[in-house]
Amino acid sequence: MNTKTEKKKFWLWRAFEPPVNFYELLNRQASKTMEGIEALADWLDTGEEEKFQKVRELEREADEIKLDLMSKLDETFVTPFDREDIYDLCLLMDEIINQAKATVREVEILEVSANNAFLRELAQLLVEGTHCLKLSFNNLKSNGKEASNQAFLARKCENRFTKVYRQALRQLYSLDDLKTILKTREVYRCMSHAANAMDVVGEKLLHVIVKIT
């Protein structure tokens, strides 16, 4: 078989190959992200070492899903909606769990006590928000109204997070121990970055939903 015929068959196959289920891949990534945030919250709540390591394991698993999605996006001829939107959603969601891992790392390196009520409250708000994102991705293909509602609720969680974050900083800056202030602030910042990423994913989802419904 000559090269020209081989190329023709290849492109015919690419044109009619079964489409990759990007909805499912994004849903898997959202689920793994939510699991990672839940593990972070459980660790801050219980102090159990296994939960500490679980955050790192889940971040690695989420990264594998991200890389798989990126690879398929590069190889697939047809996507269910704008490939740039799929790409953005994937990267933005990855930032959430990356910041969860960064929080664990900062607590470990800086030796910040996890026995902090504000840390636990902030983590629970991240859990609520990522749960909403998971539900939004789960409904993205079949129920645009519910997907939009859940994306909006995720953004509301970020607003609530910001209020608690400010309260936490106010309480922190009332202390006289400068070392504790500086170290704890770094941990708060990692969690704030996770909340901001969560908000941006919610905003992007609302944009995508308008385009595809």
Protein backbone atom coordinates (compact mmCIF):
# COMPACT_ATOMS: atom_id res chain seq x y z
CA MET A 1 0.00 0.00 0.00
CA ASN A 2 1.47 3.37 -0.99
CA THR A 3 1.90 6.27 1.40
CA LYS A 4 -0.85 8.35 -0.19
CA THR A 5 -3.44 5.57 0.28
CA GLU A 6 -2.33 5.04 3.89
CA LYS A 7 -2.78 8.73 4.67
CA LYS A 8 -6.22 8.74 3.07
CA LYS A 9 -7.36 5.77 5.18
CA PHE A 10 -5.92 7.38 8.29
CA TRP A 11 -7.84 10.61 7.84
CA LEU A 12 -11.05 8.74 6.98
CA TRP A 13 -10.65 6.81 10.23
CA ARG A 14 -9.98 10.01 12.17
CA ALA A 15 -13.06 11.67 10.69
CA PHE A 16 -15.40 8.84 11.65
CA GLU A 17 -13.84 7.53 14.83
CA PRO A 18 -16.13 7.42 17.89
CA PRO A 19 -15.84 10.75 19.69
CA VAL A 20 -14.01 10.87 23.01
CA ASN A 21 -16.39 11.43 25.91
CA PHE A 22 -14.90 14.67 27.17
CA TYR A 23 -17.90 15.22 29.42
CA GLU A 24 -16.99 12.04 31.29
CA LEU A 25 -13.30 12.94 31.46
CA LEU A 26 -14.09 16.36 32.92
CA ASN A 27 -16.51 14.74 35.33
CA ARG A 28 -13.81 12.31 36.45
CA GLN A 29 -11.39 15.15 37.00
CA ALA A 30 -13.98 17.09 39.00
CA SER A 31 -14.68 14.00 41.12
CA LYS A 32 -11.01 13.44 41.86
CA THR A 33 -10.57 17.12 42.69
CA MET A 34 -13.47 16.95 45.13
CA GLU A 35 -11.96 13.84 46.74
CA GLY A 36 -8.67 15.67 47.20
CA ILE A 37 -10.35 18.62 48.89
CA GLU A 38 -12.36 16.26 51.09
CA ALA A 39 -9.13 14.51 52.13
CA LEU A 40 -7.63 17.91 53.02
CA ALA A 41 -10.67 18.77 55.14
CA ASP A 42 -10.61 15.35 56.83
CA TRP A 43 -6.93 15.76 57.66
CA LEU A 44 -7.46 19.21 59.16
CA ASP A 45 -10.40 17.84 61.13
CA THR A 46 -8.80 14.63 62.42
CA GLY A 47 -5.05 15.12 62.12
CA GLU A 48 -4.71 11.56 60.80
CA GLU A 49 -1.46 10.99 58.91
CA GLU A 50 -3.16 8.77 56.31
CA LYS A 51 -5.42 11.67 55.29
CA PHE A 52 -2.32 13.83 54.94
CA GLN A 53 -0.81 11.40 52.43
CA LYS A 54 -4.17 10.87 50.72
CA VAL A 55 -4.19 14.48 49.49
CA ARG A 56 -0.91 13.89 47.69
CA GLU A 57 -2.08 10.59 46.20
CA LEU A 58 -5.29 12.12 44.91
CA GLU A 59 -3.38 15.07 43.42
CA ARG A 60 -1.25 12.60 41.45
CA GLU A 61 -4.33 10.71 40.28
CA ALA A 62 -6.01 13.97 39.24
CA ASP A 63 -2.87 14.91 37.34
CA GLU A 64 -3.01 11.62 35.42
CA ILE A 65 -6.60 12.35 34.43
CA LYS A 66 -5.58 15.84 33.32
CA LEU A 67 -2.73 14.51 31.18
CA ASP A 68 -5.00 11.87 29.64
CA LEU A 69 -7.60 14.51 28.81
CA MET A 70 -4.97 16.80 27.30
CA SER A 71 -3.60 13.98 25.19
CA LYS A 72 -7.03 13.02 23.89
CA LEU A 73 -7.85 16.64 23.20
CA ASP A 74 -4.75 16.91 21.07
CA GLU A 75 -5.52 13.72 19.17
CA THR A 76 -9.28 14.03 18.70
CA PHE A 77 -10.70 15.50 15.52
CA VAL A 78 -14.15 16.38 16.91
CA THR A 79 -14.98 17.70 20.39
CA PRO A 80 -18.46 18.17 21.91
CA PHE A 81 -17.82 21.89 22.46
CA ASP A 82 -15.01 24.38 21.91
CA ARG A 83 -11.68 22.61 22.52
CA GLU A 84 -10.24 25.78 24.06
CA ASP A 85 -13.02 25.75 26.65
CA ILE A 86 -12.30 22.09 27.44
CA TYR A 87 -8.61 22.93 27.76
CA ASP A 88 -9.30 25.89 30.08
CA LEU A 89 -11.69 23.94 32.30
CA CYS A 90 -9.17 21.14 32.65
CA LEU A 91 -6.27 23.44 33.61
CA LEU A 92 -8.32 25.63 35.91
CA MET A 93 -9.71 22.64 37.77
CA ASP A 94 -6.21 21.22 38.16
CA GLU A 95 -5.20 24.38 40.01
CA ILE A 96 -7.75 23.66 42.76
CA ILE A 97 -6.21 20.36 43.79
CA ASN A 98 -2.70 21.71 43.23
CA GLN A 99 -3.41 24.31 45.89
CA ALA A 100 -4.77 21.63 48.21
CA LYS A 101 -1.44 19.84 47.90
CA ALA A 102 0.37 23.16 48.41
CA THR A 103 -1.61 23.68 51.62
CA VAL A 104 -0.48 20.31 52.93
CA ARG A 105 3.10 21.09 51.95
CA GLU A 106 3.07 24.49 53.68
CA VAL A 107 1.59 23.07 56.88
CA GLU A 108 4.26 20.38 56.88
CA ILE A 109 7.25 22.60 56.04
CA LEU A 110 6.26 25.56 58.21
CA GLU A 111 5.07 23.30 61.04
CA VAL A 112 1.76 25.10 61.34
CA SER A 113 -0.71 23.51 63.71
CA ALA A 114 -3.64 21.95 61.86
CA ASN A 115 -5.69 22.46 65.03
CA ASN A 116 -7.10 25.72 63.74
CA ALA A 117 -10.86 26.36 63.60
CA PHE A 118 -10.53 28.81 60.71
CA LEU A 119 -8.53 26.32 58.64
CA ARG A 120 -11.24 23.72 59.16
CA GLU A 121 -14.02 26.15 58.25
CA LEU A 122 -12.20 27.30 55.12
CA ALA A 123 -11.62 23.68 54.09
CA GLN A 124 -15.30 22.85 54.51
CA LEU A 125 -16.25 25.73 52.24
CA LEU A 126 -13.84 24.37 49.63
CA VAL A 127 -15.52 20.97 49.99
CA GLU A 128 -18.95 22.54 49.42
CA GLY A 129 -17.73 24.46 46.41
CA THR A 130 -15.99 21.55 44.71
CA HIS A 131 -19.06 19.40 45.36
CA CYS A 132 -21.10 21.99 43.45
CA LEU A 133 -18.57 21.96 40.62
CA LYS A 134 -18.80 18.17 40.50
CA LEU A 135 -22.59 18.38 40.17
CA SER A 136 -22.26 21.06 37.51
CA PHE A 137 -19.95 18.90 35.39
CA ASN A 138 -22.22 15.92 35.98
CA ASN A 139 -25.15 17.85 34.48
CA LEU A 140 -23.21 19.72 31.80
CA LYS A 141 -24.26 17.45 28.94
CA SER A 142 -27.87 16.72 29.86
CA ASN A 143 -29.21 19.49 32.10
CA GLY A 144 -27.87 22.94 31.38
CA LYS A 145 -30.13 24.64 33.91
CA GLU A 146 -28.94 22.47 36.80
CA ALA A 147 -25.32 22.71 35.64
CA SER A 148 -25.64 26.49 35.65
CA ASN A 149 -27.27 26.48 39.09
CA GLN A 150 -24.48 24.38 40.60
CA ALA A 151 -21.77 26.52 38.99
CA PHE A 152 -23.42 29.57 40.50
CA LEU A 153 -23.53 27.90 43.93
CA ALA A 154 -19.81 27.10 43.65
CA ARG A 155 -19.13 30.79 43.12
CA LYS A 156 -21.32 31.63 46.12
CA CYS A 157 -19.14 29.32 48.21
CA GLU A 158 -16.12 31.35 47.16
CA ASN A 159 -17.87 34.52 48.37
CA ARG A 160 -18.50 32.90 51.75
CA PHE A 161 -14.90 31.68 51.81
CA THR A 162 -13.66 35.24 51.32
CA LYS A 163 -15.66 36.48 54.30
CA VAL A 164 -14.27 33.76 56.58
CA TYR A 165 -10.78 34.32 55.17
CA ARG A 166 -10.91 37.98 56.16
CA GLN A 167 -12.08 37.05 59.64
CA ALA A 168 -9.22 34.57 59.92
CA LEU A 169 -6.69 37.22 58.92
CA ARG A 170 -8.15 39.72 61.36
CA GLN A 171 -7.81 37.22 64.19
CA LEU A 172 -4.32 36.22 63.06
CA TYR A 173 -3.03 39.79 62.95
CA SER A 174 -4.25 40.35 66.51
CA LEU A 175 -1.53 37.97 67.74
CA ASP A 176 1.83 39.15 69.04
CA ASP A 177 3.78 36.20 67.63
CA LEU A 178 5.18 37.41 64.28
CA LYS A 179 6.50 33.96 63.33
CA THR A 180 3.08 32.37 63.80
CA ILE A 181 1.46 35.18 61.82
CA LEU A 182 3.79 34.78 58.83
CA LYS A 183 3.62 30.99 58.74
CA THR A 184 -0.15 30.73 59.15
CA ARG A 185 -0.74 33.46 56.57
CA GLU A 186 1.07 31.36 53.96
CA VAL A 187 -1.27 28.44 54.62
CA TYR A 188 -4.30 30.71 54.40
CA ARG A 189 -3.03 32.04 51.08
CA CYS A 190 -2.77 28.56 49.57
CA MET A 191 -6.36 27.88 50.53
CA SER A 192 -7.39 31.27 49.15
CA HIS A 193 -5.75 30.39 45.83
CA ALA A 194 -7.78 27.15 45.77
CA ALA A 195 -10.98 29.12 46.41
CA ASN A 196 -10.13 31.59 43.66
CA ALA A 197 -9.50 28.73 41.21
CA MET A 198 -12.83 27.23 42.23
CA ASP A 199 -14.55 30.53 41.48
CA VAL A 200 -12.86 30.83 38.08
CA VAL A 201 -13.95 27.28 37.15
CA GLY A 202 -17.52 28.19 38.11
CA GLU A 203 -17.35 31.35 36.01
CA LYS A 204 -15.93 29.43 33.04
CA LEU A 205 -18.65 26.80 33.36
CA LEU A 206 -21.36 29.45 33.22
CA HIS A 207 -19.74 30.84 30.07
CA VAL A 208 -19.60 27.39 28.46
CA ILE A 209 -23.19 26.57 29.40
CA VAL A 210 -24.43 29.73 27.67
CA LYS A 211 -22.56 28.70 24.52
CA ILE A 212 -23.74 25.09 24.35
CA THR A 213 -27.39 25.42 25.44
